[in-house]
Protein backbone atom coordinates (compact mmCIF):
# COMPACT_ATOMS: atom_id res chain seq x y z
CA MET A 1 6.86 -0.88 11.58
CA GLU A 2 3.68 -2.85 12.22
CA ILE A 3 2.67 -5.22 9.42
CA ARG A 4 -0.66 -7.06 9.53
CA GLN A 5 -0.86 -10.05 7.22
CA ILE A 6 -4.25 -10.43 5.52
CA ASN A 7 -3.20 -13.54 3.56
CA ASP A 8 -0.03 -14.99 2.04
CA ASP A 9 -0.04 -12.42 -0.78
CA TYR A 10 -1.33 -9.24 0.91
CA SER A 11 -0.44 -7.36 4.07
CA VAL A 12 -1.20 -3.86 5.33
CA ALA A 13 0.69 -1.35 7.43
CA PRO A 14 0.40 2.13 8.86
CA GLN A 15 2.38 4.94 7.22
CA ILE A 16 5.92 3.91 6.40
CA GLU A 17 9.02 6.04 5.94
CA ALA A 18 11.50 5.80 3.08
CA SER A 19 13.94 4.31 5.60
CA ASP A 20 11.47 1.44 6.21
CA VAL A 21 11.63 0.24 2.61
CA ALA A 22 14.77 -1.85 3.24
CA LEU A 23 12.89 -3.65 6.03
CA VAL A 24 9.92 -4.18 3.71
CA LYS A 25 12.23 -5.82 1.19
CA GLN A 26 13.94 -7.92 3.89
CA ALA A 27 10.50 -9.12 4.99
CA GLY A 28 10.08 -10.62 1.51
CA PHE A 29 7.67 -8.17 -0.10
CA LYS A 30 7.97 -7.63 -3.84
CA SER A 31 5.59 -4.66 -4.20
CA LEU A 32 4.30 -1.64 -2.30
CA ILE A 33 0.99 0.17 -2.69
CA CYS A 34 0.41 3.59 -1.13
CA ASN A 35 -3.27 4.24 -0.42
CA ARG A 36 -2.68 7.50 1.44
CA PRO A 37 -3.08 10.83 -0.35
CA ASP A 38 -0.08 13.13 -0.14
CA ASP A 39 -0.44 16.00 2.36
CA GLU A 40 -3.21 14.27 4.29
CA GLN A 41 -1.45 15.25 7.51
CA PRO A 42 1.43 17.65 8.27
CA GLY A 43 4.78 15.91 8.48
CA GLN A 44 3.67 12.88 6.46
CA PRO A 45 6.43 11.56 4.19
CA PRO A 46 5.80 12.42 0.53
CA VAL A 47 4.83 9.52 -1.68
CA ASP A 48 7.61 10.33 -4.15
CA ALA A 49 10.26 9.76 -1.48
CA ILE A 50 8.85 6.32 -0.71
CA ARG A 51 8.39 5.53 -4.41
CA GLN A 52 12.05 6.39 -5.04
CA ALA A 53 13.23 4.25 -2.11
CA ALA A 54 11.05 1.36 -3.33
CA GLU A 55 12.36 1.57 -6.88
CA GLU A 56 15.96 1.76 -5.63
CA ALA A 57 15.30 -1.38 -3.55
CA GLY A 58 13.91 -3.19 -6.60
CA LEU A 59 10.28 -3.16 -5.42
CA GLU A 60 7.32 -2.40 -7.66
CA PHE A 61 5.27 0.60 -6.48
CA ARG A 62 1.74 1.87 -7.09
CA TYR A 63 0.09 5.04 -5.80
CA ILE A 64 -3.67 4.66 -5.36
CA PRO A 65 -4.73 7.49 -3.04
CA VAL A 66 -7.95 6.90 -1.12
CA ILE A 67 -9.63 9.62 0.93
CA SER A 68 -10.30 8.37 4.45
CA GLY A 69 -13.92 7.26 4.81
CA GLN A 70 -14.61 7.79 1.10
CA ILE A 71 -13.57 4.64 -0.77
CA THR A 72 -14.90 4.79 -4.32
CA GLN A 73 -15.57 2.04 -6.85
CA GLU A 74 -12.68 3.47 -8.87
CA ASN A 75 -10.39 2.97 -5.83
CA VAL A 76 -11.53 -0.66 -5.54
CA ASP A 77 -11.06 -1.25 -9.28
CA ASP A 78 -7.60 0.37 -9.27
CA GLN A 79 -6.50 -1.66 -6.25
CA ALA A 80 -7.80 -4.89 -7.79
CA ALA A 81 -5.96 -4.16 -11.04
CA ALA A 82 -2.75 -3.42 -9.15
CA LEU A 83 -3.05 -6.68 -7.23
CA ASP A 84 -3.52 -8.55 -10.51
CA GLU A 85 -0.43 -6.92 -12.04
CA LEU A 86 2.08 -6.61 -9.20
CA PRO A 87 4.53 -9.27 -8.07
CA ARG A 88 3.51 -10.78 -4.73
CA PRO A 89 3.55 -10.55 -1.83
CA VAL A 90 2.26 -6.96 -1.68
CA LEU A 91 2.39 -4.54 1.25
CA ALA A 92 -0.19 -1.74 1.13
CA TYR A 93 -0.03 1.21 3.50
CA CYS A 94 -2.04 4.25 4.53
CA ARG A 95 -2.30 6.21 7.79
CA SER A 96 -3.30 3.21 9.90
CA GLY A 97 -3.64 0.33 7.41
CA THR A 98 -7.44 0.31 7.69
CA ARG A 99 -8.16 1.72 4.20
CA CYS A 100 -5.87 -0.90 2.69
CA ALA A 101 -7.63 -3.70 4.57
CA ASN A 102 -11.07 -2.31 3.67
CA LEU A 103 -10.13 -2.10 0.00
CA TYR A 104 -9.05 -5.72 0.05
CA GLY A 105 -12.30 -6.74 1.71
CA LEU A 106 -14.31 -4.93 -0.97
CA ILE A 107 -12.30 -6.63 -3.71
CA GLN A 108 -13.01 -10.02 -2.14
CA GLN A 109 -16.74 -9.28 -1.82
CA ARG A 110 -17.09 -8.60 -5.50
CA GLY A 111 -15.42 -11.91 -6.35
């Protein structure tokens, strides 16, 4: 699992598996955000499986699906609200981690 730290409170990663959640917790994360829509690609783990693993591990979880290349203001607002509410540090994931990083950049631009 490749984790890229954006700052002390926010990191991004490519698609994770339910079996990765224990490693996420061991790495010190308190919350997970999934920015990848379910069924984006065949064979992708379903968000509910990762949500269940996260909850069983004692992590907070949010599902904020973002269509690749089509970030909306609502996506940015939802991500910002989640980051305000969730315990930190937060790990956000999508297919490659890029959407998660771009969302964070847009949140920072708006102040």
